[in-house]
């Protein structure tokens, strides 16, 4: 099993996604002899998972059922154990495009959620250098990359990127910064980027961080500095009932022509129910509560 290569059959040691519904899913490491508890009952890995095809419908001990899905970067983003604040697919998609990533690209970063999407983009010949300040999180990241079959495409370093940089020089096509003080790492990012044309992106939740980062980018000679914000607005499709408006003119026309709404023969006429009643139709309605702001994305190019 690998996050960058699809496998048809569930094997011992795989990471799989147990899908109970669009708002309810979780990852599980498949192990012979292990069981997983769900609200629908027990899933026995040896008999219910190993050897079955991904996408299979599995019946639990209580009679309920779940789907077992092959992991993808998108599903992992939704189910990642939150060690820190993570990025979601809305921001990840624009980051991948604006950094101009492709198979073979070399990227320096430090975000666990973003890393899986970047690895899939740069595979099979690219490489990801990720720096993590906390030793425990760095070890956990190495373990996850190894379990997910992508460890040959990523190098995890445990150090302070603001003081020690990314550990590489003049080879990266892109650098992504997701730290509290990105302006302190702009110089190291410039050193890691290739001689000319490399791209950098900084993610910050506060505009004050963005201002200091842009000033640092200008100081180090970056060009094409641009900041944007991605706002996701979700709509639900609902049936809405609205009262038919009284426009007046139809009533006047009917009175002038001797129209009698009490006459059964006129009940099906075009103006019969314009004065009263409601009409139902489908409409897109925005959610009453939603996450609006995630963060500001600042992009620039090494001159």
Foldseek 3Di string as FASTA:
>chain_A
DAQQDDDFAFAQLAWKKWAPDPLDIEIDGQHQQDWDQDPQAIDHRNPFGGGHTQQDWGAHPNGDITGIHHDYLQVCLVHPDPPDDADHPLVLVVVCVVQPFAAAAEEEEAGLSSVRVNLSRNPDNYAYQHEAQDPVVLVVSCVVCVSNVNNVRYDYHHHDCLVPNRPAAQRHQEYEAEDAQCLSNPVSRLRRHHPFWRKYKYWFADVVSVVSNVVSCVVQPWPPKDKDFGFDWDWDKDKDKDWQDCPPPVVVVCVVVVHDLVDPVCCPPPVNDNHTDIDIDIDIHTDPDDDTGDTMMIMTTHD
